[in-house]
């Protein structure tokens, strides 16, 4: 658990300080009404998280393909995404 927290108001007022801490390797959790809503983290941590997420998704896709899972073309994927977006707007 990250012990360094700040409210949205505090983070906004002292953003440069929070960024400096992140550069030093110290993340800050930003809270709103006592609940965590965001974080200012070192860029290396953020990049590692993105890489781990990409790797996890790639492994899941490989597992689906290995089991003979259904594949779709990019055109089908985009059509489905836009159909969902249109349905949500209604």
C-alpha atoms as a PDB file:
ATOM      1  CA  UNK A   1       0.000   0.000   0.000  1.00  0.00           C
ATOM      2  CA  UNK A   2       1.286   3.446  -0.874  1.00  0.00           C
ATOM      3  CA  UNK A   3       1.607   5.588   2.225  1.00  0.00           C
ATOM      4  CA  UNK A   4       2.102   8.858   0.329  1.00  0.00           C
ATOM      5  CA  UNK A   5      -1.364  10.252  -0.374  1.00  0.00           C
ATOM      6  CA  UNK A   6      -2.810  13.644  -1.224  1.00  0.00           C
ATOM      7  CA  UNK A   7      -6.294  14.939  -1.831  1.00  0.00           C
ATOM      8  CA  UNK A   8      -7.113  16.257  -5.283  1.00  0.00           C
ATOM      9  CA  UNK A   9      -6.930  19.781  -3.893  1.00  0.00           C
ATOM     10  CA  UNK A  10      -3.521  19.160  -2.285  1.00  0.00           C
ATOM     11  CA  UNK A  11      -2.163  17.483  -5.402  1.00  0.00           C
ATOM     12  CA  UNK A  12      -3.359  20.347  -7.587  1.00  0.00           C
ATOM     13  CA  UNK A  13      -1.781  22.937  -5.286  1.00  0.00           C
ATOM     14  CA  UNK A  14       1.537  21.059  -5.084  1.00  0.00           C
ATOM     15  CA  UNK A  15       1.725  19.254  -8.415  1.00  0.00           C
ATOM     16  CA  UNK A  16       5.399  20.068  -8.994  1.00  0.00           C
ATOM     17  CA  UNK A  17       6.271  18.532  -5.622  1.00  0.00           C
ATOM     18  CA  UNK A  18       4.304  15.356  -6.439  1.00  0.00           C
ATOM     19  CA  UNK A  19       6.068  15.107  -9.799  1.00  0.00           C
ATOM     20  CA  UNK A  20       9.459  15.563  -8.124  1.00  0.00           C
ATOM     21  CA  UNK A  21       8.612  12.749  -5.702  1.00  0.00           C
ATOM     22  CA  UNK A  22       7.622  10.500  -8.600  1.00  0.00           C
ATOM     23  CA  UNK A  23      10.956  11.234 -10.270  1.00  0.00           C
ATOM     24  CA  UNK A  24      12.613  10.134  -7.010  1.00  0.00           C
ATOM     25  CA  UNK A  25      10.677   6.861  -7.132  1.00  0.00           C
ATOM     26  CA  UNK A  26       7.973   7.804  -4.627  1.00  0.00           C
ATOM     27  CA  UNK A  27       4.413   7.381  -5.917  1.00  0.00           C
ATOM     28  CA  UNK A  28       1.537   9.511  -4.646  1.00  0.00           C
ATOM     29  CA  UNK A  29      -2.033   8.232  -4.476  1.00  0.00           C
ATOM     30  CA  UNK A  30      -4.577  10.973  -5.132  1.00  0.00           C
ATOM     31  CA  UNK A  31      -7.812  10.726  -3.174  1.00  0.00           C
ATOM     32  CA  UNK A  32     -11.262  12.269  -3.535  1.00  0.00           C
ATOM     33  CA  UNK A  33     -13.604  12.078  -0.570  1.00  0.00           C
ATOM     34  CA  UNK A  34     -11.177   9.629   1.051  1.00  0.00           C
ATOM     35  CA  UNK A  35     -11.205   7.179  -1.873  1.00  0.00           C
ATOM     36  CA  UNK A  36      -8.183   6.619  -4.148  1.00  0.00           C
ATOM     37  CA  UNK A  37      -8.899   7.882  -7.674  1.00  0.00           C
ATOM     38  CA  UNK A  38      -5.504   8.334  -9.355  1.00  0.00           C
ATOM     39  CA  UNK A  39      -1.767   8.098  -8.858  1.00  0.00           C
ATOM     40  CA  UNK A  40       1.343  10.031  -9.799  1.00  0.00           C
ATOM     41  CA  UNK A  41       3.982   7.351 -10.333  1.00  0.00           C
ATOM     42  CA  UNK A  42       7.509   7.158 -11.695  1.00  0.00           C
ATOM     43  CA  UNK A  43       7.397   6.777 -15.484  1.00  0.00           C
ATOM     44  CA  UNK A  44       9.353   3.521 -15.238  1.00  0.00           C
ATOM     45  CA  UNK A  45       6.586   2.051 -13.053  1.00  0.00           C
ATOM     46  CA  UNK A  46       3.922   3.210 -15.506  1.00  0.00           C
ATOM     47  CA  UNK A  47       5.795   1.749 -18.474  1.00  0.00           C
ATOM     48  CA  UNK A  48       6.300  -1.548 -16.619  1.00  0.00           C
ATOM     49  CA  UNK A  49       2.568  -1.690 -15.882  1.00  0.00           C
ATOM     50  CA  UNK A  50       1.694  -1.065 -19.528  1.00  0.00           C
ATOM     51  CA  UNK A  51       4.169  -3.726 -20.661  1.00  0.00           C
ATOM     52  CA  UNK A  52       2.776  -6.243 -18.170  1.00  0.00           C
ATOM     53  CA  UNK A  53      -0.784  -5.537 -19.319  1.00  0.00           C
ATOM     54  CA  UNK A  54       0.216  -5.973 -22.974  1.00  0.00           C
ATOM     55  CA  UNK A  55       1.956  -9.247 -22.157  1.00  0.00           C
ATOM     56  CA  UNK A  56      -1.053 -10.532 -20.225  1.00  0.00           C
ATOM     57  CA  UNK A  57      -3.421  -9.694 -23.085  1.00  0.00           C
ATOM     58  CA  UNK A  58      -1.106 -11.354 -25.612  1.00  0.00           C
ATOM     59  CA  UNK A  59      -0.958 -14.522 -23.490  1.00  0.00           C
ATOM     60  CA  UNK A  60      -4.748 -14.580 -23.179  1.00  0.00           C
ATOM     61  CA  UNK A  61      -5.100 -14.206 -26.949  1.00  0.00           C
ATOM     62  CA  UNK A  62      -2.587 -16.997 -27.571  1.00  0.00           C
ATOM     63  CA  UNK A  63      -4.511 -19.260 -25.186  1.00  0.00           C
ATOM     64  CA  UNK A  64      -7.796 -18.588 -26.985  1.00  0.00           C
ATOM     65  CA  UNK A  65      -6.186 -19.317 -30.354  1.00  0.00           C
ATOM     66  CA  UNK A  66      -4.571 -22.504 -29.021  1.00  0.00           C
ATOM     67  CA  UNK A  67      -8.012 -23.711 -27.934  1.00  0.00           C
ATOM     68  CA  UNK A  68      -9.381 -23.069 -31.425  1.00  0.00           C
ATOM     69  CA  UNK A  69     -11.121 -19.880 -30.362  1.00  0.00           C
ATOM     70  CA  UNK A  70     -12.984 -17.663 -32.779  1.00  0.00           C
ATOM     71  CA  UNK A  71     -11.040 -14.916 -34.518  1.00  0.00           C
ATOM     72  CA  UNK A  72     -12.336 -11.753 -36.153  1.00  0.00           C
ATOM     73  CA  UNK A  73     -10.952  -9.366 -38.716  1.00  0.00           C
ATOM     74  CA  UNK A  74     -10.109  -5.786 -37.805  1.00  0.00           C
ATOM     75  CA  UNK A  75     -13.112  -4.647 -39.852  1.00  0.00           C
ATOM     76  CA  UNK A  76     -15.414  -6.894 -37.807  1.00  0.00           C
ATOM     77  CA  UNK A  77     -13.913  -5.653 -34.567  1.00  0.00           C
ATOM     78  CA  UNK A  78     -14.345  -2.007 -35.533  1.00  0.00           C
ATOM     79  CA  UNK A  79     -17.897  -2.615 -36.719  1.00  0.00           C
ATOM     80  CA  UNK A  80     -18.747  -4.211 -33.366  1.00  0.00           C
ATOM     81  CA  UNK A  81     -17.146  -1.356 -31.430  1.00  0.00           C
ATOM     82  CA  UNK A  82     -19.036   1.304 -33.347  1.00  0.00           C
ATOM     83  CA  UNK A  83     -22.292  -0.638 -33.072  1.00  0.00           C
ATOM     84  CA  UNK A  84     -21.859  -0.822 -29.284  1.00  0.00           C
ATOM     85  CA  UNK A  85     -21.076   2.907 -29.138  1.00  0.00           C
ATOM     86  CA  UNK A  86     -24.185   3.730 -31.205  1.00  0.00           C
ATOM     87  CA  UNK A  87     -26.343   1.505 -28.986  1.00  0.00           C
ATOM     88  CA  UNK A  88     -25.031   3.206 -25.822  1.00  0.00           C
ATOM     89  CA  UNK A  89     -25.766   6.672 -27.248  1.00  0.00           C
ATOM     90  CA  UNK A  90     -29.444   5.864 -27.764  1.00  0.00           C
END
